[in-house]
Amino acid sequence: MSIPHIPCLRFGVPYRSLNDSAVKDYRDGTTKATLSQVNAGVIRRDLKSMDQAREALRKFSTRELIEISAKAGELFLKEDLPIGEGGRMQSAQEYMETLSATSGLPHVMVRRNMDKIHYALTHVDLILNGLTRGIDLSVLDQGYGEHGGSPVCFFPTTEALGLVMPSNSPAVNSLWLPSIALKIPIIMKPGREEPWTPYRLIQAFIAAGCPKEAFGFYPTDHEGAGDILKHCGRALIFGDKSTTDLYAGDPGVQVHGPGFSKILIGDDEIENWEEYLDVMVSSISDNGGRSCVNASAVIVPKYAKEIADALGKRLGPLKPLPVDDPNAVLSGFANPKMGEWIDSTLETDFSEKGALDATAPYRDGARLLQAEGGTYLRPTIAYCESMDHALANREFLCPYASVVEVDQNRMLSAIGPTLVVTAITKDASFKNQLLGASNIERLNIGPISTMKISWDQPHEGNMFEFLYKRRSIGMAA
């Protein structure tokens, strides 16, 4: 069978560029698809006509778009959908296998990500209820109404939502899905190694009855990505700290960078730390350690060495397994140089005094290895003597976490900005301090994995409040 070509989508219409790039198998480098590459000029030209895309969505009620989203979820998860040109179709199984081959995620992880996306699409009503704090959704159709006995009026902050997507995890696409029900079109640069999920989602929406004009799919270069962020009134960017720091002060750009998520155990529960090993292991290693909500540090008032050793004993022996093995925990690297850089960084930082590789005694062989046809990194647990060590507050695209001893009364000041904190404590005073902490985005109190997301609450920023703004309104009787 010939290799598919995935075109750009300009208002949902396929457009083949003169330039293209190859999407390759992470194991043997074979080309799985070619991908049209458009320049920034094409994107800037299309952005001038976004009012047409917005108008196409405004013809639908919010409830109708919620129903379309639910239908799209079923199609995405189960059905054959167009892929590329010439009427070619892709089954859900083919999508799963191809995504695995180019991203390095084993099949079991791709399926879990598919299930997360399916849940988000089929529960958009629940998500919007949480994001809007329960307003009557008809308010979004007419622009005004009543909520809690007071008049309310909302207006959109943008004609389109710009997206600069990553390649590390398919489920990050869940974050932009509510924008369609909110009647805001998308302009997307897909991840270089992961065009499959956003393209399939767009095709699922169109097949479910959503107007194709609502979707812009623009594989592009750095300049094109910059123009999406600059010229869309609202945009999401995903990337490492060096990338996301460039937009940290821009209110029009919602930044999704490293999460530095953590598990904290309080004084009152530290004697029971062994009961919480399963929560620690799953928080660190689920989804191959690739998510911003993976725990990258465990902060405890004592027993840090013992906890690091116990985690090392659990995670250190893990090895790459065949991609179709249901027990696979580790993911391969689509870019082997990334794995090499992480391994080199870890070796350099471990050479500094004050840190110990707690997985080394239980790891048979090297951390970086070639296996199952690809490049893999085995898990690493670092015992650090203090939060000042280079490894104490780091995040890598693999199962990694530090374990550090910090007095409970210093924990909140020591951890820095943190996307998710799982705090294992029953201490009412400590709970109150956690609830009042401004450096925690999401808080779990009790032994809840940092990976667990409540879809009716904002994951990282409120999409409704990002895309809509409330105004005062007065209407004559």
Protein backbone atom coordinates (compact mmCIF):
# COMPACT_ATOMS: atom_id res chain seq x y z
CA MET A 1 0.00 0.00 0.00
CA SER A 2 1.30 3.48 -0.88
CA ILE A 3 2.38 5.91 1.81
CA PRO A 4 -0.39 8.41 2.63
CA HIS A 5 0.12 12.13 2.16
CA ILE A 6 -1.52 14.29 4.84
CA PRO A 7 -2.41 17.69 3.41
CA CYS A 8 -2.86 21.01 5.10
CA LEU A 9 -6.50 21.84 5.83
CA ARG A 10 -7.52 25.39 4.99
CA PHE A 11 -11.00 25.94 6.40
CA GLY A 12 -11.33 22.16 6.28
CA VAL A 13 -10.40 21.92 2.59
CA PRO A 14 -7.31 19.80 1.76
CA TYR A 15 -4.40 21.78 0.35
CA ARG A 16 -1.23 20.11 -0.89
CA SER A 17 1.88 22.19 -0.46
CA LEU A 18 4.94 22.07 -2.71
CA ASN A 19 7.00 21.25 0.37
CA ASP A 20 6.52 18.26 2.63
CA SER A 21 8.18 16.38 5.47
CA ALA A 22 8.30 12.72 6.42
CA VAL A 23 6.72 11.19 9.51
CA LYS A 24 8.91 8.21 10.37
CA ASP A 25 8.79 5.00 12.36
CA TYR A 26 10.82 5.53 15.54
CA ARG A 27 12.32 2.05 15.21
CA ASP A 28 13.65 1.72 11.67
CA GLY A 29 13.17 5.17 10.20
CA THR A 30 10.76 4.04 7.50
CA THR A 31 8.36 6.74 6.29
CA LYS A 32 4.79 6.23 7.51
CA ALA A 33 3.40 9.36 5.83
CA THR A 34 4.40 12.59 4.15
CA LEU A 35 3.03 15.83 5.54
CA SER A 36 2.41 19.07 3.63
CA GLN A 37 4.42 21.98 5.02
CA VAL A 38 3.00 25.46 4.55
CA ASN A 39 4.72 28.79 5.04
CA ALA A 40 3.69 31.59 7.35
CA GLY A 41 2.22 33.58 4.48
CA VAL A 42 -0.51 31.00 3.92
CA ILE A 43 -1.45 31.11 7.60
CA ARG A 44 -1.51 34.91 7.72
CA ARG A 45 -3.70 35.02 4.61
CA ASP A 46 -6.21 32.55 6.03
CA LEU A 47 -6.37 34.30 9.39
CA LYS A 48 -7.81 37.34 7.64
CA SER A 49 -10.93 35.30 6.80
CA MET A 50 -11.57 33.70 10.19
CA ASP A 51 -14.88 35.54 10.53
CA GLN A 52 -16.25 33.07 7.94
CA ALA A 53 -15.20 30.12 10.08
CA ARG A 54 -16.70 31.66 13.18
CA GLU A 55 -19.95 32.38 11.35
CA ALA A 56 -20.17 28.74 10.24
CA LEU A 57 -20.12 27.64 13.90
CA ARG A 58 -22.53 30.34 15.04
CA LYS A 59 -25.26 28.77 12.89
CA PHE A 60 -25.36 25.93 15.44
CA SER A 61 -26.60 26.11 19.01
CA THR A 62 -24.24 25.15 21.79
CA ARG A 63 -26.39 22.09 22.50
CA GLU A 64 -26.17 21.00 18.86
CA LEU A 65 -22.38 21.32 18.94
CA ILE A 66 -22.26 19.29 22.16
CA GLU A 67 -24.22 16.53 20.40
CA ILE A 68 -21.88 16.75 17.40
CA SER A 69 -18.89 16.47 19.75
CA ALA A 70 -20.35 13.32 21.34
CA LYS A 71 -20.90 11.76 17.91
CA ALA A 72 -17.36 12.73 16.92
CA GLY A 73 -16.10 10.92 20.02
CA GLU A 74 -17.72 7.67 18.91
CA LEU A 75 -16.37 8.05 15.38
CA PHE A 76 -12.87 8.85 16.63
CA LEU A 77 -12.76 5.80 18.87
CA LYS A 78 -14.34 3.19 16.62
CA GLU A 79 -14.80 4.05 12.95
CA ASP A 80 -12.88 4.36 9.70
CA LEU A 81 -12.07 8.01 8.94
CA PRO A 82 -10.34 9.80 6.05
CA ILE A 83 -6.57 9.98 6.18
CA GLY A 84 -4.77 12.00 3.56
CA GLU A 85 -5.78 12.21 -0.05
CA GLY A 86 -7.69 10.16 -2.61
CA GLY A 87 -10.49 8.91 -0.39
CA ARG A 88 -8.11 6.82 1.70
CA MET A 89 -9.58 5.65 5.03
CA GLN A 90 -7.94 4.73 8.32
CA SER A 91 -9.45 2.35 10.86
CA ALA A 92 -9.16 2.92 14.60
CA GLN A 93 -6.75 -0.04 14.77
CA GLU A 94 -4.58 1.39 11.98
CA TYR A 95 -4.55 4.78 13.72
CA MET A 96 -3.46 3.16 16.99
CA GLU A 97 -0.68 1.13 15.33
CA THR A 98 0.61 4.02 13.22
CA LEU A 99 0.65 6.46 16.13
CA SER A 100 2.53 3.90 18.19
CA ALA A 101 5.06 3.44 15.39
CA THR A 102 5.87 7.15 15.10
CA SER A 103 5.57 8.27 18.73
CA GLY A 104 7.11 5.32 20.55
CA LEU A 105 4.06 4.86 22.78
CA PRO A 106 3.12 1.19 23.20
CA HIS A 107 -0.35 0.14 22.05
CA VAL A 108 -1.77 -0.01 25.57
CA MET A 109 -0.87 3.64 26.17
CA VAL A 110 -2.29 4.78 22.85
CA ARG A 111 -5.57 3.04 23.71
CA ARG A 112 -5.69 4.75 27.11
CA ASN A 113 -5.15 8.11 25.41
CA MET A 114 -7.90 7.29 22.91
CA ASP A 115 -10.24 6.49 25.79
CA LYS A 116 -9.43 9.83 27.47
CA ILE A 117 -10.19 11.74 24.26
CA HIS A 118 -13.40 9.75 23.76
CA TYR A 119 -14.50 10.54 27.30
CA ALA A 120 -13.81 14.24 26.85
CA LEU A 121 -15.78 14.39 23.59
CA THR A 122 -18.73 12.47 24.94
CA HIS A 123 -18.86 14.58 28.12
CA VAL A 124 -18.48 18.10 26.73
CA ASP A 125 -21.71 19.05 28.52
CA LEU A 126 -20.14 18.05 31.86
CA ILE A 127 -16.92 19.90 31.01
CA LEU A 128 -18.72 23.09 30.02
CA ASN A 129 -20.90 22.95 33.12
CA GLY A 130 -17.74 22.93 35.23
CA LEU A 131 -15.89 25.57 33.20
CA THR A 132 -18.87 27.97 33.08
CA ARG A 133 -19.92 27.30 36.69
CA GLY A 134 -23.30 26.07 35.57
CA ILE A 135 -24.64 28.88 33.39
CA ASP A 136 -27.54 28.08 31.08
CA LEU A 137 -25.73 27.32 27.81
CA SER A 138 -28.41 29.16 25.84
CA VAL A 139 -26.68 32.31 27.15
CA LEU A 140 -23.84 31.54 24.74
CA ASP A 141 -26.27 31.32 21.82
CA GLN A 142 -27.90 34.70 22.34
CA GLY A 143 -25.01 36.38 24.12
CA TYR A 144 -26.93 37.29 27.26
CA GLY A 145 -29.31 35.85 29.82
CA GLU A 146 -29.60 35.34 33.55
CA HIS A 147 -27.53 33.41 36.05
CA GLY A 148 -28.05 33.27 39.80
CA GLY A 149 -30.73 35.93 39.58
CA SER A 150 -28.47 38.45 37.85
CA PRO A 151 -28.19 39.40 34.17
CA VAL A 152 -25.12 38.01 32.41
CA CYS A 153 -23.55 38.75 29.05
CA PHE A 154 -20.55 37.06 27.45
CA PHE A 155 -18.61 37.90 24.30
CA PRO A 156 -15.78 35.99 22.57
CA THR A 157 -12.22 37.20 23.07
CA THR A 158 -11.07 35.91 19.68
CA GLU A 159 -12.18 34.78 16.22
CA ALA A 160 -9.99 31.65 16.43
CA LEU A 161 -8.04 29.56 18.93
CA GLY A 162 -4.42 29.04 17.87
CA LEU A 163 -2.74 25.78 18.81
CA VAL A 164 0.93 24.84 18.70
CA MET A 165 0.75 21.17 19.62
CA PRO A 166 3.38 18.75 20.97
CA SER A 167 4.20 15.17 19.97
CA ASN A 168 4.59 13.61 23.41
CA SER A 169 1.04 12.51 24.30
CA PRO A 170 -2.17 12.26 22.19
CA ALA A 171 -4.48 13.11 25.11
CA VAL A 172 -3.26 16.73 25.23
CA ASN A 173 -5.66 17.26 22.32
CA SER A 174 -8.47 16.97 24.87
CA LEU A 175 -7.68 20.51 26.00
CA TRP A 176 -8.85 22.20 22.79
CA LEU A 177 -11.96 20.08 22.19
CA PRO A 178 -14.42 22.34 24.13
CA SER A 179 -13.58 25.26 21.82
CA ILE A 180 -15.80 23.80 19.09
CA ALA A 181 -18.87 23.68 21.34
CA LEU A 182 -17.93 27.22 22.41
CA LYS A 183 -18.14 28.23 18.72
CA ILE A 184 -14.47 29.17 18.38
CA PRO A 185 -12.66 27.73 15.30
CA ILE A 186 -9.15 26.32 15.63
CA ILE A 187 -5.91 27.12 13.79
CA MET A 188 -3.43 24.34 14.56
CA LYS A 189 0.19 23.51 14.01
CA PRO A 190 0.37 19.76 14.80
CA GLY A 191 3.35 18.13 16.49
CA ARG A 192 6.03 17.04 14.04
CA GLU A 193 5.78 13.35 14.97
CA GLU A 194 2.09 13.39 15.87
CA PRO A 195 -0.22 14.70 13.13
CA TRP A 196 -2.38 11.58 13.45
CA THR A 197 -4.54 12.46 16.45
CA PRO A 198 -5.50 16.05 15.54
CA TYR A 199 -6.14 15.09 11.91
CA ARG A 200 -8.34 12.17 12.96
CA LEU A 201 -10.21 14.36 15.43
CA ILE A 202 -10.90 16.97 12.76
CA GLN A 203 -12.20 14.30 10.38
CA ALA A 204 -14.38 12.88 13.17
CA PHE A 205 -15.90 16.32 13.83
CA ILE A 206 -16.61 16.87 10.13
CA ALA A 207 -18.13 13.40 9.73
CA ALA A 208 -20.33 14.11 12.78
CA GLY A 209 -21.79 17.22 11.12
CA CYS A 210 -19.49 20.03 12.26
CA PRO A 211 -18.79 22.63 9.56
CA LYS A 212 -15.41 21.97 7.99
CA GLU A 213 -14.68 25.71 7.95
CA ALA A 214 -14.04 25.51 11.70
CA PHE A 215 -10.73 23.68 11.23
CA GLY A 216 -7.31 24.87 10.17
CA PHE A 217 -4.55 22.26 10.13
CA TYR A 218 -1.21 23.84 9.24
CA PRO A 219 2.00 21.80 9.51
CA THR A 220 4.55 24.62 9.41
CA ASP A 221 7.91 25.89 10.59
CA HIS A 222 8.96 28.06 13.53
CA GLU A 223 7.87 31.25 11.77
CA GLY A 224 4.43 29.81 11.03
CA ALA A 225 4.01 28.68 14.63
CA GLY A 226 4.99 32.15 15.80
CA ASP A 227 2.36 33.74 13.57
CA ILE A 228 -0.34 31.42 14.93
CA LEU A 229 0.56 32.56 18.43
CA LYS A 230 0.89 36.20 17.43
CA HIS A 231 -2.16 36.69 15.22
CA CYS A 232 -4.79 34.49 16.88
CA GLY A 233 -6.45 36.44 19.66
CA ARG A 234 -6.07 33.43 21.94
CA ALA A 235 -3.61 30.55 21.65
CA LEU A 236 -2.24 27.49 23.46
CA ILE A 237 1.42 26.52 23.28
CA PHE A 238 3.01 23.30 24.49
CA GLY A 239 6.74 22.88 24.92
CA ASP A 240 9.76 22.86 27.19
CA LYS A 241 10.61 25.69 29.57
CA SER A 242 12.85 27.51 27.09
CA THR A 243 9.95 27.68 24.60
CA THR A 244 7.09 28.45 26.96
CA ASP A 245 9.02 31.08 28.94
CA LEU A 246 8.91 33.30 25.83
CA TYR A 247 5.12 33.62 26.24
CA ALA A 248 4.79 33.44 30.03
CA GLY A 249 3.71 37.08 30.31
CA ASP A 250 1.36 37.14 27.33
CA PRO A 251 -2.30 37.08 28.47
CA GLY A 252 -3.38 35.92 25.02
CA VAL A 253 -1.25 32.76 25.17
CA GLN A 254 -2.05 29.92 27.57
CA VAL A 255 1.24 28.19 28.30
CA HIS A 256 1.48 24.42 28.82
CA GLY A 257 5.05 23.64 29.72
CA PRO A 258 6.66 21.36 32.29
CA GLY A 259 4.30 20.66 35.19
CA PHE A 260 6.81 19.89 37.95
CA SER A 261 3.96 17.95 39.59
CA LYS A 262 4.65 16.54 43.05
CA ILE A 263 3.56 14.24 45.84
CA LEU A 264 3.78 15.65 49.37
CA ILE A 265 3.43 13.46 52.45
CA GLY A 266 2.60 15.23 55.71
CA ASP A 267 4.04 14.64 59.16
CA ASP A 268 0.87 12.83 60.21
CA GLU A 269 1.07 10.20 57.41
CA ILE A 270 4.79 9.73 56.84
CA GLU A 271 4.99 6.66 59.12
CA ASN A 272 2.54 5.00 56.71
CA TRP A 273 4.54 5.81 53.56
CA GLU A 274 4.69 2.19 52.39
CA GLU A 275 0.88 2.20 51.99
CA TYR A 276 1.24 4.90 49.33
CA LEU A 277 3.91 3.30 47.14
CA ASP A 278 1.36 2.31 44.48
CA VAL A 279 0.17 5.93 44.18
CA MET A 280 3.76 7.12 43.88
CA VAL A 281 4.66 4.53 41.24
CA SER A 282 1.60 5.20 39.08
CA SER A 283 2.03 8.98 39.38
CA ILE A 284 5.62 8.70 38.20
CA SER A 285 5.35 6.07 35.48
CA ASP A 286 1.86 6.12 33.92
CA ASN A 287 1.78 7.20 30.25
CA GLY A 288 5.50 6.48 30.06
CA GLY A 289 6.25 9.45 32.30
CA ARG A 290 5.53 11.80 29.39
CA SER A 291 2.76 13.94 30.87
CA CYS A 292 3.02 17.27 32.66
CA VAL A 293 0.85 15.72 35.38
CA ASN A 294 3.34 12.90 36.04
CA ALA A 295 4.91 13.34 39.46
CA SER A 296 8.54 14.47 39.09
CA ALA A 297 9.25 14.82 42.82
CA VAL A 298 8.20 13.23 46.10
CA ILE A 299 8.64 15.62 49.04
CA VAL A 300 8.64 14.10 52.53
CA PRO A 301 9.57 15.22 56.06
CA LYS A 302 11.67 12.07 56.63
CA TYR A 303 12.48 8.58 55.25
CA ALA A 304 13.50 10.03 51.87
CA LYS A 305 16.31 7.47 51.42
CA GLU A 306 14.01 4.58 52.29
CA ILE A 307 11.27 5.82 49.94
CA ALA A 308 13.74 6.40 47.11
CA ASP A 309 15.09 2.86 47.60
CA ALA A 310 11.58 1.38 47.59
CA LEU A 311 10.68 3.27 44.40
CA GLY A 312 13.99 2.20 42.86
CA LYS A 313 13.18 -1.42 43.67
CA ARG A 314 9.77 -1.09 41.97
CA LEU A 315 10.80 0.94 38.92
CA GLY A 316 14.47 0.11 38.40
CA PRO A 317 13.96 -3.39 36.93
CA LEU A 318 11.47 -2.20 34.29
CA LYS A 319 12.58 -2.83 30.71
CA PRO A 320 11.16 -2.10 27.27
CA LEU A 321 8.60 -4.63 26.08
CA PRO A 322 7.14 -5.24 22.61
CA VAL A 323 4.78 -2.43 21.56
CA ASP A 324 1.80 -4.78 21.61
CA ASP A 325 2.52 -6.13 25.12
CA PRO A 326 -0.34 -5.07 27.46
CA ASN A 327 2.16 -4.74 30.31
CA ALA A 328 4.40 -2.24 28.52
CA VAL A 329 5.31 0.75 30.72
CA LEU A 330 8.15 2.41 28.81
CA SER A 331 7.94 4.42 25.59
CA GLY A 332 10.52 4.70 22.84
CA PHE A 333 11.88 8.03 21.62
CA ALA A 334 10.78 9.27 18.22
CA ASN A 335 13.91 11.44 18.37
CA PRO A 336 16.74 9.27 19.75
CA LYS A 337 18.86 12.36 20.40
CA MET A 338 16.34 13.41 23.07
CA GLY A 339 16.90 10.15 24.94
CA GLU A 340 20.66 10.58 24.62
CA TRP A 341 20.47 14.15 25.95
CA ILE A 342 18.37 13.14 28.96
CA ASP A 343 20.76 10.29 29.82
CA SER A 344 23.79 12.58 29.49
CA THR A 345 22.11 15.26 31.64
CA LEU A 346 21.28 12.75 34.36
CA GLU A 347 24.83 11.39 34.40
CA THR A 348 26.27 14.89 34.67
CA ASP A 349 23.92 15.93 37.47
CA PHE A 350 24.45 12.70 39.43
CA SER A 351 28.18 13.45 39.39
CA GLU A 352 27.47 16.49 41.57
CA LYS A 353 27.58 15.88 45.31
CA GLY A 354 24.24 15.47 47.08
CA ALA A 355 22.35 13.06 44.83
CA LEU A 356 22.12 9.29 44.44
CA ASP A 357 20.61 7.17 41.67
CA ALA A 358 18.25 4.93 43.68
CA THR A 359 17.35 2.85 40.62
CA ALA A 360 20.95 1.91 39.76
CA PRO A 361 21.16 -1.07 42.20
CA TYR A 362 18.04 -2.58 40.66
CA ARG A 363 18.71 -1.75 37.01
CA ASP A 364 20.35 -4.60 35.13
CA GLY A 365 22.39 -2.70 32.57
CA ALA A 366 22.41 0.85 31.24
CA ARG A 367 19.69 3.47 31.60
CA LEU A 368 19.80 4.30 27.88
CA LEU A 369 19.48 1.30 25.65
CA GLN A 370 18.49 0.06 22.23
CA ALA A 371 15.64 -2.43 22.49
CA GLU A 372 12.59 -3.54 20.54
CA GLY A 373 14.07 -1.74 17.53
CA GLY A 374 14.15 1.71 19.20
CA THR A 375 15.81 3.97 21.77
CA TYR A 376 14.52 3.76 25.34
CA LEU A 377 15.29 5.20 28.76
CA ARG A 378 14.66 3.10 31.82
CA PRO A 379 13.20 4.79 34.94
CA THR A 380 15.32 6.91 37.23
CA ILE A 381 14.65 7.79 40.88
CA ALA A 382 17.02 10.37 42.36
CA TYR A 383 17.50 10.74 46.10
CA CYS A 384 18.50 14.37 46.67
CA GLU A 385 19.82 15.77 49.93
CA SER A 386 18.12 19.13 49.36
CA MET A 387 15.87 21.04 46.97
CA ASP A 388 18.96 23.00 45.89
CA HIS A 389 20.34 20.07 43.91
CA ALA A 390 19.98 20.25 40.13
CA LEU A 391 17.94 17.02 40.08
CA ALA A 392 15.51 17.97 42.86
CA ASN A 393 13.06 19.89 40.69
CA ARG A 394 13.52 18.56 37.16
CA GLU A 395 11.19 16.96 34.65
CA PHE A 396 12.08 14.61 31.80
CA LEU A 397 10.10 12.75 29.09
CA CYS A 398 10.47 9.42 30.89
CA PRO A 399 9.64 7.94 34.30
CA TYR A 400 11.74 10.19 36.54
CA ALA A 401 11.31 11.59 40.03
CA SER A 402 13.43 12.96 42.83
CA VAL A 403 12.80 12.17 46.50
CA VAL A 404 13.72 14.98 48.88
CA GLU A 405 13.38 15.57 52.63
CA VAL A 406 11.85 18.95 53.50
CA ASP A 407 10.25 19.97 56.80
CA GLN A 408 6.47 20.19 56.43
CA ASN A 409 6.46 23.87 57.42
CA ARG A 410 8.83 24.61 54.49
CA MET A 411 7.30 22.40 51.81
CA LEU A 412 5.02 24.94 50.15
CA SER A 413 7.74 27.54 49.81
CA ALA A 414 10.28 24.94 48.64
CA ILE A 415 8.33 23.29 45.82
CA GLY A 416 7.92 26.35 43.58
CA PRO A 417 5.22 26.60 40.87
CA THR A 418 3.54 23.20 40.57
CA LEU A 419 0.84 22.02 38.17
CA VAL A 420 -0.48 19.16 40.36
CA VAL A 421 0.15 18.44 44.03
CA THR A 422 -1.07 15.25 45.63
CA ALA A 423 -0.89 15.93 49.36
CA ILE A 424 -1.21 12.87 51.56
CA THR A 425 -2.32 14.26 54.89
CA LYS A 426 -5.28 14.49 57.25
CA ASP A 427 -3.85 17.43 59.16
CA ALA A 428 -6.50 20.20 59.04
CA SER A 429 -3.92 22.97 59.47
CA PHE A 430 -1.72 21.64 56.64
CA LYS A 431 -4.80 21.22 54.41
CA ASN A 432 -5.70 24.86 54.96
CA GLN A 433 -2.17 25.92 54.01
CA LEU A 434 -2.40 23.81 50.85
CA LEU A 435 -5.79 25.24 49.93
CA GLY A 436 -4.42 28.75 50.26
CA ALA A 437 -1.19 28.11 48.31
CA SER A 438 -0.94 30.27 45.19
CA ASN A 439 1.80 28.14 43.57
CA ILE A 440 -0.40 25.03 43.11
CA GLU A 441 -2.61 24.78 40.02
CA ARG A 442 -4.46 21.56 40.90
CA LEU A 443 -4.66 20.06 44.40
CA ASN A 444 -5.45 16.46 45.33
CA ILE A 445 -5.84 15.86 49.06
CA GLY A 446 -5.34 12.21 49.88
CA PRO A 447 -3.72 9.28 48.03
CA ILE A 448 -4.88 10.27 44.51
CA SER A 449 -2.56 9.83 41.55
CA THR A 450 -1.32 13.10 40.09
CA MET A 451 -2.43 11.63 36.73
CA LYS A 452 -6.11 11.63 37.70
CA ILE A 453 -8.01 14.49 36.02
CA SER A 454 -11.50 15.72 36.79
CA TRP A 455 -12.93 16.82 33.45
CA ASP A 456 -15.50 19.13 35.05
CA GLN A 457 -12.67 21.23 36.51
CA PRO A 458 -9.98 23.21 34.69
CA HIS A 459 -6.87 21.16 34.01
CA GLU A 460 -4.51 24.09 33.45
CA GLY A 461 -6.39 27.31 32.91
CA ASN A 462 -10.13 27.69 32.28
CA MET A 463 -10.88 27.39 28.54
CA PHE A 464 -14.23 29.15 28.85
CA GLU A 465 -12.77 32.14 30.69
CA PHE A 466 -9.91 32.18 28.17
CA LEU A 467 -12.23 32.30 25.14
CA TYR A 468 -15.06 34.42 26.59
CA LYS A 469 -15.23 37.55 28.68
CA ARG A 470 -18.13 38.78 30.75
CA ARG A 471 -19.45 42.30 30.24
CA SER A 472 -21.95 44.36 32.16
CA ILE A 473 -25.26 44.78 30.42
CA GLY A 474 -28.36 46.90 30.89
CA MET A 475 -31.55 46.43 28.86
CA ALA A 476 -34.57 48.69 28.79
CA ALA A 477 -37.84 47.13 29.82
